[in-house]
C-alpha cells in the first residue's frame, strides 16, 4: 500500500515562499508518476506539477509554472514542491499523489489519473 504524508504548509504572507514535502512509503515500482495538487474551498482539485519515477521528467500547470519547482530525493523517498511569490489565491489544501504503474514518456497533472493520495497540508496566504 502506497502512502504519503505531506508537510510544510502553514500561514505565509503574500510574496513569501514555502517548500512542501511529501514522504512516500510503500512505492516499489519505478514506473510511476508523482504529482502535486491543490484544492481550494468550493473549487475542483487542480493539478500543479508532476515528476516521473523512471525518467525524472517534470511538468507544470501553465497557471503556476513560473512560481513553482518540483524535485525529489529518491534516497529519502521525498518529493518537494518549492513555491515562490505566493498569492492569496494560492490558499488551498495541497496534496501529493501517485499513478502507478505509469509508463509515459512525460507526466500528466490530471487528478483523475492518480491512484493514491495523501491527506494534504493546508497553505494559507494572507497578510
Foldseek 3Di string as FASTA:
>chain_A
DKAKDKDFADEAAAQAKIKIKIAIPDDDDQQKKKFKWWDDPPGDIGTAKMAHRNPRAMDGDPVAVVFWDWDDDVVRRMIMIIGGRDDQVVWTWMKMFMQPRHDDPHDDRDVVRTDDIYPTDTHGYHD
